[in-house]
C-alpha atoms as a PDB file:
ATOM      1  CA  MET A   1     105.927  80.475 101.865  1.00  0.00           C
ATOM      2  CA  ASN A   2     109.455  80.344 103.154  1.00  0.00           C
ATOM      3  CA  ILE A   3     112.550  78.521 101.348  1.00  0.00           C
ATOM      4  CA  LYS A   4     112.415  75.685 103.953  1.00  0.00           C
ATOM      5  CA  GLU A   5     108.918  74.769 102.989  1.00  0.00           C
ATOM      6  CA  ILE A   6     109.699  74.997  99.236  1.00  0.00           C
ATOM      7  CA  ARG A   7     112.570  72.607  99.725  1.00  0.00           C
ATOM      8  CA  GLU A   8     110.518  70.288 101.728  1.00  0.00           C
ATOM      9  CA  LEU A   9     107.854  70.483  98.954  1.00  0.00           C
ATOM     10  CA  ILE A  10     110.299  69.570  96.221  1.00  0.00           C
ATOM     11  CA  GLN A  11     111.720  66.594  98.208  1.00  0.00           C
ATOM     12  CA  LEU A  12     108.206  65.365  98.585  1.00  0.00           C
ATOM     13  CA  ILE A  13     107.572  65.513  95.011  1.00  0.00           C
ATOM     14  CA  GLU A  14     111.168  63.969  93.937  1.00  0.00           C
ATOM     15  CA  ASP A  15     110.141  60.875  96.254  1.00  0.00           C
ATOM     16  CA  SER A  16     106.772  60.371  94.933  1.00  0.00           C
ATOM     17  CA  ALA A  17     105.338  59.177  91.644  1.00  0.00           C
ATOM     18  CA  ILE A  18     104.084  62.732  90.975  1.00  0.00           C
ATOM     19  CA  GLU A  19     105.499  64.145  87.704  1.00  0.00           C
ATOM     20  CA  GLU A  20     104.066  67.895  87.979  1.00  0.00           C
ATOM     21  CA  PHE A  21     102.738  69.881  90.820  1.00  0.00           C
ATOM     22  CA  GLU A  22     101.314  73.385  90.648  1.00  0.00           C
ATOM     23  CA  MET A  23     100.092  75.447  93.939  1.00  0.00           C
ATOM     24  CA  GLU A  24      99.331  78.847  94.630  1.00  0.00           C
ATOM     25  CA  ARG A  25      99.033  80.254  98.103  1.00  0.00           C
ATOM     26  CA  SER A  26      99.103  83.901  99.416  1.00  0.00           C
ATOM     27  CA  GLY A  27      99.913  85.209  95.902  1.00  0.00           C
ATOM     28  CA  VAL A  28     102.911  82.788  95.576  1.00  0.00           C
ATOM     29  CA  ARG A  29     102.826  80.432  92.710  1.00  0.00           C
ATOM     30  CA  ILE A  30     104.972  77.288  92.708  1.00  0.00           C
ATOM     31  CA  ARG A  31     105.161  74.919  89.658  1.00  0.00           C
ATOM     32  CA  VAL A  32     107.323  71.812  90.101  1.00  0.00           C
ATOM     33  CA  ARG A  33     107.898  69.397  87.243  1.00  0.00           C
ATOM     34  CA  LYS A  34     109.877  66.125  87.042  1.00  0.00           C
ATOM     35  CA  THR A  35     111.404  65.131  83.522  1.00  0.00           C
ATOM     36  CA  MET A  36     112.341  61.466  82.970  1.00  0.00           C
ATOM     37  CA  ALA A  37     115.444  60.738  81.359  1.00  0.00           C
ATOM     38  CA  SER A  38     115.265  58.349  78.160  1.00  0.00           C
ATOM     39  CA  PRO A  39     116.585  54.760  78.763  1.00  0.00           C
ATOM     40  CA  GLN A  40     119.857  55.520  76.641  1.00  0.00           C
ATOM     41  CA  THR A  41     120.914  58.344  79.080  1.00  0.00           C
ATOM     42  CA  GLY A  42     120.598  56.404  82.359  1.00  0.00           C
ATOM     43  CA  PRO A  43     118.165  56.468  85.391  1.00  0.00           C
ATOM     44  CA  SER A  44     115.683  59.170  85.571  1.00  0.00           C
ATOM     45  CA  GLN A  45     116.698  62.349  87.146  1.00  0.00           C
ATOM     46  CA  PRO A  46     114.094  64.492  88.829  1.00  0.00           C
ATOM     47  CA  LEU A  47     114.539  68.103  87.729  1.00  0.00           C
ATOM     48  CA  PRO A  48     112.540  70.386  90.234  1.00  0.00           C
ATOM     49  CA  THR A  49     111.578  74.024  88.265  1.00  0.00           C
ATOM     50  CA  PRO A  50     109.957  76.348  90.815  1.00  0.00           C
ATOM     51  CA  SER A  51     108.656  79.424  89.778  1.00  0.00           C
ATOM     52  CA  ARG A  52     106.868  82.233  91.348  1.00  0.00           C
ATOM     53  CA  ASN A  53     104.788  84.790  90.142  1.00  0.00           C
ATOM     54  CA  VAL A  54     104.771  87.646  92.729  1.00  0.00           C
ATOM     55  CA  SER A  55     105.943  91.235  92.066  1.00  0.00           C
ATOM     56  CA  GLU A  56     107.423  91.622  95.305  1.00  0.00           C
ATOM     57  CA  THR A  57     109.214  88.150  95.570  1.00  0.00           C
ATOM     58  CA  GLU A  58     110.983  87.402  92.222  1.00  0.00           C
ATOM     59  CA  THR A  59     113.516  84.655  92.693  1.00  0.00           C
ATOM     60  CA  GLU A  60     114.855  84.982  88.922  1.00  0.00           C
ATOM     61  CA  LEU A  61     116.350  88.100  87.360  1.00  0.00           C
ATOM     62  CA  PRO A  62     116.482  88.215  83.619  1.00  0.00           C
ATOM     63  CA  GLY A  63     119.206  89.863  82.008  1.00  0.00           C
ATOM     64  CA  VAL A  64     121.522  89.535  85.039  1.00  0.00           C
ATOM     65  CA  PRO A  65     123.772  86.345  84.943  1.00  0.00           C
ATOM     66  CA  VAL A  66     123.598  84.517  88.282  1.00  0.00           C
ATOM     67  CA  GLU A  67     126.410  82.469  89.242  1.00  0.00           C
ATOM     68  CA  GLU A  68     126.337  78.989  90.588  1.00  0.00           C
ATOM     69  CA  ALA A  69     124.390  78.951  93.912  1.00  0.00           C
ATOM     70  CA  LYS A  70     127.490  78.681  96.335  1.00  0.00           C
ATOM     71  CA  SER A  71     128.836  81.898  95.293  1.00  0.00           C
ATOM     72  CA  ASN A  72     125.636  83.395  96.507  1.00  0.00           C
ATOM     73  CA  TYR A  73     125.268  84.570 100.062  1.00  0.00           C
ATOM     74  CA  ILE A  74     122.125  84.137 101.881  1.00  0.00           C
ATOM     75  CA  PHE A  75     121.086  86.992 104.178  1.00  0.00           C
ATOM     76  CA  GLU A  76     119.137  85.429 107.340  1.00  0.00           C
ATOM     77  CA  ALA A  77     116.765  87.272 109.602  1.00  0.00           C
ATOM     78  CA  PRO A  78     118.823  88.661 112.560  1.00  0.00           C
ATOM     79  CA  ILE A  79     115.617  88.735 114.762  1.00  0.00           C
ATOM     80  CA  VAL A  80     112.245  87.425 115.176  1.00  0.00           C
ATOM     81  CA  GLY A  81     109.260  89.572 113.731  1.00  0.00           C
ATOM     82  CA  THR A  82     107.372  90.465 110.850  1.00  0.00           C
ATOM     83  CA  PHE A  83     109.123  91.301 107.802  1.00  0.00           C
ATOM     84  CA  TYR A  84     108.351  94.208 105.681  1.00  0.00           C
ATOM     85  CA  LEU A  85     110.091  95.223 102.373  1.00  0.00           C
ATOM     86  CA  THR A  86     108.750  98.657 102.281  1.00  0.00           C
ATOM     87  CA  PRO A  87     108.819 101.662 105.144  1.00  0.00           C
ATOM     88  CA  LYS A  88     105.134 102.246 104.628  1.00  0.00           C
ATOM     89  CA  PRO A  89     102.305 100.459 102.603  1.00  0.00           C
ATOM     90  CA  ASP A  90     102.303 103.034  99.713  1.00  0.00           C
ATOM     91  CA  ALA A  91     106.227 103.233  99.421  1.00  0.00           C
ATOM     92  CA  GLU A  92     108.745 101.884  97.172  1.00  0.00           C
ATOM     93  CA  PRO A  93     110.708  98.622  98.462  1.00  0.00           C
ATOM     94  CA  PHE A  94     114.045  99.293  99.964  1.00  0.00           C
ATOM     95  CA  VAL A  95     115.791  96.873  97.478  1.00  0.00           C
ATOM     96  CA  LYS A  96     114.246  94.738  94.288  1.00  0.00           C
ATOM     97  CA  VAL A  97     115.660  92.004  92.594  1.00  0.00           C
ATOM     98  CA  GLY A  98     118.849  93.341  90.418  1.00  0.00           C
ATOM     99  CA  ASP A  99     119.494  96.141  92.846  1.00  0.00           C
ATOM    100  CA  ARG A 100     123.343  96.786  93.592  1.00  0.00           C
ATOM    101  CA  ILE A 101     123.768  97.062  97.324  1.00  0.00           C
ATOM    102  CA  ASN A 102     126.507  98.320  99.497  1.00  0.00           C
ATOM    103  CA  LYS A 103     127.562  97.220 103.068  1.00  0.00           C
ATOM    104  CA  GLU A 104     125.019  98.767 105.574  1.00  0.00           C
ATOM    105  CA  ALA A 105     122.443  99.511 103.028  1.00  0.00           C
ATOM    106  CA  VAL A 106     118.867  98.943 104.653  1.00  0.00           C
ATOM    107  CA  LEU A 107     117.405  95.939 102.983  1.00  0.00           C
ATOM    108  CA  CYS A 108     114.015  95.619 104.874  1.00  0.00           C
ATOM    109  CA  ILE A 109     112.290  96.238 108.242  1.00  0.00           C
ATOM    110  CA  ILE A 110     111.516  93.740 110.770  1.00  0.00           C
ATOM    111  CA  GLU A 111     108.798  94.641 113.301  1.00  0.00           C
ATOM    112  CA  ALA A 112     109.460  93.010 116.826  1.00  0.00           C
ATOM    113  CA  MET A 113     107.377  93.953 119.820  1.00  0.00           C
ATOM    114  CA  LYS A 114     106.098  97.242 118.153  1.00  0.00           C
ATOM    115  CA  ILE A 115     109.590  98.542 117.466  1.00  0.00           C
ATOM    116  CA  PHE A 116     110.215  98.882 113.414  1.00  0.00           C
ATOM    117  CA  ASN A 117     114.090  97.545 113.222  1.00  0.00           C
ATOM    118  CA  GLN A 118     115.861  98.605 109.974  1.00  0.00           C
ATOM    119  CA  ILE A 119     117.978  95.734 108.931  1.00  0.00           C
ATOM    120  CA  GLU A 120     121.157  96.467 106.971  1.00  0.00           C
ATOM    121  CA  SER A 121     123.345  94.457 104.702  1.00  0.00           C
ATOM    122  CA  ASP A 122     126.464  93.006 105.924  1.00  0.00           C
ATOM    123  CA  ILE A 123     128.116  92.481 102.440  1.00  0.00           C
ATOM    124  CA  ASP A 124     128.396  94.395  99.117  1.00  0.00           C
ATOM    125  CA  GLY A 125     126.780  92.649  95.846  1.00  0.00           C
ATOM    126  CA  VAL A 126     123.668  92.270  93.885  1.00  0.00           C
ATOM    127  CA  ILE A 127     119.994  91.047  95.145  1.00  0.00           C
ATOM    128  CA  VAL A 128     119.235  88.128  93.017  1.00  0.00           C
ATOM    129  CA  GLY A 129     116.265  86.807  95.361  1.00  0.00           C
ATOM    130  CA  ILE A 130     114.089  87.864  97.746  1.00  0.00           C
ATOM    131  CA  LEU A 131     113.187  84.864 100.021  1.00  0.00           C
ATOM    132  CA  ALA A 132     110.377  85.947 102.361  1.00  0.00           C
ATOM    133  CA  GLU A 133     107.287  87.562 101.815  1.00  0.00           C
ATOM    134  CA  SER A 134     106.525  91.015 102.891  1.00  0.00           C
ATOM    135  CA  GLY A 135     104.029  91.042 105.866  1.00  0.00           C
ATOM    136  CA  GLN A 136     104.667  87.843 106.886  1.00  0.00           C
ATOM    137  CA  PRO A 137     106.584  86.429 110.260  1.00  0.00           C
ATOM    138  CA  VAL A 138     109.942  85.536 110.134  1.00  0.00           C
ATOM    139  CA  GLU A 139     112.171  83.449 112.648  1.00  0.00           C
ATOM    140  CA  TYR A 140     115.785  84.091 113.507  1.00  0.00           C
ATOM    141  CA  GLY A 141     117.943  82.534 110.655  1.00  0.00           C
ATOM    142  CA  GLN A 142     115.349  82.396 108.291  1.00  0.00           C
ATOM    143  CA  PRO A 143     116.589  83.175 104.685  1.00  0.00           C
ATOM    144  CA  LEU A 144     115.667  86.781 103.568  1.00  0.00           C
ATOM    145  CA  PHE A 145     117.510  87.553 100.604  1.00  0.00           C
ATOM    146  CA  GLU A 146     120.080  85.683  98.140  1.00  0.00           C
ATOM    147  CA  ILE A 147     122.932  88.143  97.386  1.00  0.00           C
ATOM    148  CA  GLN A 148     125.317  87.540  94.555  1.00  0.00           C
ATOM    149  CA  THR A 149     128.672  88.840  95.876  1.00  0.00           C
ATOM    150  CA  ALA A 150     131.565  89.982  93.833  1.00  0.00           C
ATOM    151  CA  ASP A 151     134.079  87.369  94.722  1.00  0.00           C
END
């Protein structure tokens, strides 16, 4: 499940009368819950709270403060292909949530036409989210990583 699909799911739930929704697909668990404001505080404000329960695709990092989303950089797929977080199936991932990375650090591999392309970072920062699932196809421009920059 990619970030676009998650955003569409949240929007559908916000526009509906559903108060809580939970789904699991391919090892990714999403839970969205709306909370209703009391009459004294004004109209109801839906509050989506997606959560993921997958070791390779953690989106929240406990212990490392994450600044507002506008200061985070979204690293997008530079090519179409199959996304891999590890150089081989039994190896450690190139990066994990919480890792500090430098410009030109290898983030992942994208296989395109039987060629394994190492994808390097174009900025320095800290990985705060992995937005794609290893072994899944990615499109050009699809968000892969959320990186907190040192602004």
